[in-house]
Amino acid sequence: MNLQPTHVYRAVVPQARRVRIAALCAVAVAALVSGCGNSGDAKSPRAAAGQPEVRQTASPSPTGSPRLTEDQAARKALVPTAKVTADKAAATAVGEVPGSTLLSIELKRSAGGAATASPTASPDGSPSPSPSPSPSPGAGGSVWVAEVSEKDGTEHTVRIDASSGDVIRSRTDAGQDADDKAERAEWLTKIKQTPEQVAKAATDRKKGTVTSMELDDTDSGDVVWSVEVVTTDDWNKTTYDIDATTGEVLSEDVDRD
């Protein structure tokens, strides 16, 4: 009689334990699911607390310096080849055409580069079959291309080796229009500032290399010098408009391309 109740009691206990274990497992699973669902929110308090936000950025260049634009790279390649300054080259160009005045001057890459043969004679007087090549003026370097005008407005083009300062070529421009000549002659009467003076006025504002100077007129009829200065730390170009009569700097424009 006493064995039957004991048997029933032992059968109930395992069932209750299974129920409790199942309940605990359900709670654990719910906690895991809840934790996974809130993983995104868990980062917010850390960000709000001042933790840095990591972002992917482009890798810096190997040298650590900013990449140059196409124009900046061209200036970097050209400017160091000039050993003669713009104002010195301008003086040479004006001296090539007596009584002339500078209209413009610009530093350009030399169109040369090809060697020219200097024929040598053999002992019997016949030409040598293999002449010795000698480089043409300005080959592989740069030239100053200057435009100068006589008092009557007649324009001449003078090319100067930017390394040696030698005159490569000087010619009178063909087919000059009479009205253009008259306009240039009128400009010359208004110019009081020399190329040397306007180059100094521009480089006093910004240290760099003058690569271009050009005369132009305004809508009001005033004549101005447009002077370009290249800064060798960033290879940007700054253009100054300078009154050709008074020397006043009228405007400044920085080209960072």
Protein backbone atom coordinates (compact mmCIF):
# COMPACT_ATOMS: atom_id res chain seq x y z
CA MET A 1 0.00 0.00 0.00
CA ASN A 2 2.81 2.43 0.69
CA LEU A 3 4.70 1.77 -2.57
CA GLN A 4 2.04 3.23 -4.93
CA PRO A 5 2.09 6.88 -3.70
CA THR A 6 5.85 6.87 -3.76
CA HIS A 7 5.80 5.81 -7.41
CA VAL A 8 3.38 8.62 -8.36
CA TYR A 9 5.49 11.27 -6.61
CA ARG A 10 8.63 10.28 -8.45
CA ALA A 11 6.80 10.44 -11.79
CA VAL A 12 5.63 14.03 -11.20
CA VAL A 13 8.98 15.49 -10.22
CA PRO A 14 10.74 14.98 -13.57
CA GLN A 15 7.80 16.57 -15.40
CA ALA A 16 7.94 19.68 -13.26
CA ARG A 17 11.66 19.96 -13.80
CA ARG A 18 11.20 19.69 -17.56
CA VAL A 19 8.63 22.51 -17.44
CA ARG A 20 10.98 24.72 -15.44
CA ILE A 21 13.93 23.95 -17.74
CA ALA A 22 11.79 24.70 -20.81
CA ALA A 23 10.73 28.01 -19.29
CA LEU A 24 14.33 28.94 -18.54
CA CYS A 25 15.37 28.09 -22.08
CA ALA A 26 12.56 30.23 -23.48
CA VAL A 27 13.71 33.18 -21.35
CA ALA A 28 17.32 32.69 -22.48
CA VAL A 29 16.33 32.54 -26.14
CA ALA A 30 14.21 35.68 -25.76
CA ALA A 31 17.13 37.47 -24.17
CA LEU A 32 19.45 36.46 -26.98
CA VAL A 33 16.95 37.58 -29.62
CA SER A 34 16.40 40.87 -27.81
CA GLY A 35 20.15 41.44 -27.57
CA CYS A 36 20.66 40.80 -31.28
CA GLY A 37 17.83 43.11 -32.23
CA ASN A 38 19.28 45.97 -30.17
CA SER A 39 22.83 45.66 -31.44
CA GLY A 40 22.43 48.77 -33.58
CA ASP A 41 21.15 50.86 -30.70
CA ALA A 42 23.98 49.77 -28.43
CA LYS A 43 26.44 51.84 -30.45
CA SER A 44 24.52 55.09 -30.08
CA PRO A 45 25.46 55.77 -26.44
CA ARG A 46 29.16 55.31 -27.28
CA ALA A 47 28.92 57.76 -30.22
CA ALA A 48 27.02 60.23 -28.07
CA ALA A 49 29.70 59.94 -25.42
CA GLY A 50 32.26 61.38 -27.87
CA GLN A 51 33.79 58.25 -29.34
CA PRO A 52 35.28 58.99 -32.82
CA GLU A 53 33.35 57.82 -35.85
CA VAL A 54 35.63 55.87 -38.18
CA ARG A 55 35.19 56.66 -41.87
CA GLN A 56 36.99 55.26 -44.90
CA THR A 57 39.01 57.89 -46.72
CA ALA A 58 41.21 57.79 -49.78
CA SER A 59 44.75 56.78 -49.08
CA PRO A 60 47.18 59.73 -49.18
CA SER A 61 49.75 59.95 -51.92
CA PRO A 62 53.08 58.26 -51.14
CA THR A 63 54.79 61.62 -50.75
CA GLY A 64 52.02 63.06 -48.60
CA SER A 65 51.70 66.06 -50.94
CA PRO A 66 48.45 66.97 -52.73
CA ARG A 67 48.06 65.80 -56.30
CA LEU A 68 48.68 68.49 -58.92
CA THR A 69 46.15 69.36 -61.60
CA GLU A 70 47.14 69.12 -65.24
CA ASP A 71 47.77 72.88 -65.46
CA GLN A 72 49.77 72.94 -62.21
CA ALA A 73 51.92 70.04 -63.42
CA ALA A 74 52.56 71.88 -66.70
CA ARG A 75 53.68 74.99 -64.81
CA LYS A 76 55.91 72.90 -62.58
CA ALA A 77 57.61 71.43 -65.65
CA LEU A 78 57.95 74.76 -67.48
CA VAL A 79 58.83 77.48 -64.97
CA PRO A 80 62.13 76.04 -63.64
CA THR A 81 63.51 75.86 -67.20
CA ALA A 82 63.59 79.69 -67.45
CA LYS A 83 66.87 81.17 -66.22
CA VAL A 84 66.12 84.61 -67.69
CA THR A 85 63.37 86.63 -65.99
CA ALA A 86 60.45 88.16 -67.86
CA ASP A 87 61.61 91.75 -67.45
CA LYS A 88 65.14 90.90 -68.65
CA ALA A 89 63.76 89.10 -71.68
CA ALA A 90 61.46 92.09 -72.35
CA ALA A 91 64.45 94.43 -72.34
CA THR A 92 66.24 92.16 -74.83
CA ALA A 93 63.20 92.10 -77.12
CA VAL A 94 62.83 95.88 -77.07
CA GLY A 95 66.55 96.27 -77.76
CA GLU A 96 66.21 94.03 -80.81
CA VAL A 97 63.81 96.54 -82.45
CA PRO A 98 65.16 100.08 -81.85
CA GLY A 99 62.60 102.57 -80.59
CA SER A 100 60.02 99.87 -79.80
CA THR A 101 57.83 99.25 -76.75
CA LEU A 102 56.77 95.92 -75.30
CA LEU A 103 53.20 94.83 -75.96
CA SER A 104 53.36 91.34 -74.48
CA ILE A 105 55.73 88.58 -73.42
CA GLU A 106 54.98 84.98 -72.43
CA LEU A 107 57.00 81.97 -71.34
CA LYS A 108 56.36 78.94 -73.55
CA ARG A 109 57.73 75.48 -74.07
CA SER A 110 60.26 75.43 -76.88
CA ALA A 111 58.88 74.03 -80.11
CA GLY A 112 62.42 72.86 -80.96
CA GLY A 113 64.16 69.88 -79.57
CA ALA A 114 65.37 68.49 -82.82
CA ALA A 115 69.09 68.69 -83.43
CA THR A 116 70.38 70.52 -86.45
CA ALA A 117 73.32 69.11 -88.35
CA SER A 118 76.40 71.20 -88.74
CA PRO A 119 78.15 69.76 -91.83
CA THR A 120 81.90 69.34 -91.59
CA ALA A 121 84.29 68.99 -94.49
CA SER A 122 86.55 66.05 -95.09
CA PRO A 123 90.26 66.65 -95.70
CA ASP A 124 89.63 66.46 -99.46
CA GLY A 125 86.98 69.16 -99.26
CA SER A 126 83.93 66.92 -99.69
CA PRO A 127 81.12 67.01 -97.14
CA SER A 128 81.44 64.59 -94.28
CA PRO A 129 78.96 61.70 -94.58
CA SER A 130 78.08 61.90 -90.88
CA PRO A 131 77.81 65.56 -89.77
CA SER A 132 77.99 66.35 -86.07
CA PRO A 133 74.59 67.34 -84.68
CA SER A 134 74.33 70.47 -82.56
CA PRO A 135 71.24 71.39 -80.56
CA SER A 136 69.05 74.18 -81.91
CA PRO A 137 68.50 77.25 -79.71
CA GLY A 138 66.03 76.55 -76.93
CA ALA A 139 65.91 72.82 -77.71
CA GLY A 140 64.19 70.87 -74.97
CA GLY A 141 63.67 74.00 -72.85
CA SER A 142 61.58 77.14 -72.98
CA VAL A 143 61.42 80.44 -74.86
CA TRP A 144 60.10 83.91 -74.20
CA VAL A 145 57.79 85.00 -77.02
CA ALA A 146 57.60 88.81 -77.09
CA GLU A 147 55.51 91.21 -79.15
CA VAL A 148 56.93 94.74 -79.49
CA SER A 149 55.66 97.76 -81.39
CA GLU A 150 57.27 100.69 -83.11
CA LYS A 151 55.84 104.15 -82.48
CA ASP A 152 53.63 103.92 -85.57
CA GLY A 153 52.11 100.66 -84.32
CA THR A 154 54.12 98.26 -86.50
CA GLU A 155 54.35 94.99 -84.58
CA HIS A 156 57.32 92.62 -84.37
CA THR A 157 57.68 89.16 -82.79
CA VAL A 158 60.90 88.34 -80.99
CA ARG A 159 61.72 84.87 -79.62
CA ILE A 160 64.31 84.63 -76.86
CA ASP A 161 65.96 81.56 -75.38
CA ALA A 162 64.73 81.49 -71.76
CA SER A 163 67.90 79.76 -70.59
CA SER A 164 70.63 81.80 -72.28
CA GLY A 165 68.80 85.03 -73.07
CA ASP A 166 69.90 84.90 -76.72
CA VAL A 167 67.59 86.10 -79.47
CA ILE A 168 66.45 83.11 -81.51
CA ARG A 169 64.42 84.95 -84.12
CA SER A 170 63.02 88.40 -84.82
CA ARG A 171 60.52 89.21 -87.56
CA THR A 172 58.01 91.86 -88.58
CA ASP A 173 54.47 90.48 -88.47
CA ALA A 174 52.91 90.28 -91.93
CA GLY A 175 49.52 91.62 -92.97
CA GLN A 176 49.07 94.19 -90.20
CA ASP A 177 45.76 96.04 -90.27
CA ALA A 178 45.93 99.83 -90.38
CA ASP A 179 43.30 100.24 -87.66
CA ASP A 180 45.16 97.86 -85.35
CA LYS A 181 48.38 99.76 -85.91
CA ALA A 182 46.64 103.05 -85.07
CA GLU A 183 45.22 101.54 -81.87
CA ARG A 184 48.64 100.26 -80.79
CA ALA A 185 50.21 103.64 -81.52
CA GLU A 186 47.60 105.28 -79.27
CA TRP A 187 48.31 102.79 -76.48
CA LEU A 188 51.98 103.67 -76.53
CA THR A 189 51.22 107.29 -75.68
CA LYS A 190 49.50 106.19 -72.44
CA ILE A 191 52.11 103.76 -71.11
CA LYS A 192 54.10 105.14 -68.20
CA GLN A 193 54.88 101.90 -66.34
CA THR A 194 57.75 99.78 -67.68
CA PRO A 195 57.67 95.95 -67.75
CA GLU A 196 60.22 95.95 -64.93
CA GLN A 197 57.99 98.17 -62.78
CA VAL A 198 54.81 96.15 -63.27
CA ALA A 199 56.65 92.86 -62.71
CA LYS A 200 57.90 94.22 -59.38
CA ALA A 201 54.44 95.49 -58.45
CA ALA A 202 53.00 92.00 -59.03
CA THR A 203 55.73 90.06 -57.20
CA ASP A 204 55.58 92.51 -54.29
CA ARG A 205 52.01 91.33 -53.84
CA LYS A 206 52.84 87.62 -54.27
CA LYS A 207 56.26 86.04 -54.32
CA GLY A 208 56.70 83.94 -57.44
CA THR A 209 57.81 83.89 -61.07
CA VAL A 210 56.33 86.21 -63.69
CA THR A 211 55.39 84.06 -66.68
CA SER A 212 53.42 86.56 -68.75
CA MET A 213 52.86 90.30 -69.22
CA GLU A 214 50.39 91.73 -71.72
CA LEU A 215 48.94 95.13 -72.54
CA ASP A 216 45.19 95.50 -72.90
CA ASP A 217 42.60 98.23 -72.70
CA THR A 218 39.42 98.60 -70.64
CA ASP A 219 35.95 99.65 -71.72
CA SER A 220 36.76 103.18 -70.55
CA GLY A 221 39.83 103.30 -72.81
CA ASP A 222 42.45 102.97 -70.08
CA VAL A 223 45.46 100.77 -70.81
CA VAL A 224 46.36 98.04 -68.30
CA TRP A 225 49.10 95.49 -67.87
CA SER A 226 47.90 91.95 -67.20
CA VAL A 227 50.68 90.18 -65.26
CA GLU A 228 50.70 86.46 -64.40
CA VAL A 229 52.69 85.19 -61.40
CA VAL A 230 53.23 81.48 -60.67
CA THR A 231 53.91 80.53 -57.05
CA THR A 232 56.37 77.64 -56.84
CA ASP A 233 55.09 76.22 -53.55
CA ASP A 234 51.69 75.21 -54.99
CA TRP A 235 52.10 76.03 -58.74
CA ASN A 236 48.99 78.20 -58.76
CA LYS A 237 48.76 81.19 -61.08
CA THR A 238 47.71 84.67 -59.98
CA THR A 239 46.80 87.37 -62.53
CA TYR A 240 47.12 91.04 -61.65
CA ASP A 241 45.65 93.89 -63.68
CA ILE A 242 47.84 96.96 -63.23
CA ASP A 243 47.11 100.45 -64.55
CA ALA A 244 49.75 101.08 -67.23
CA THR A 245 49.76 104.82 -66.46
CA THR A 246 49.64 105.01 -62.66
CA GLY A 247 50.93 101.56 -61.64
CA GLU A 248 47.91 100.95 -59.41
CA VAL A 249 46.98 97.31 -58.92
CA LEU A 250 43.36 97.10 -60.07
CA SER A 251 42.52 93.44 -59.55
CA GLU A 252 43.87 90.06 -58.44
CA ASP A 253 42.64 86.68 -59.66
CA VAL A 254 43.99 83.37 -58.32
CA ASP A 255 43.79 80.32 -60.57
CA ARG A 256 44.10 77.10 -58.51
CA ASP A 257 43.46 74.73 -61.41
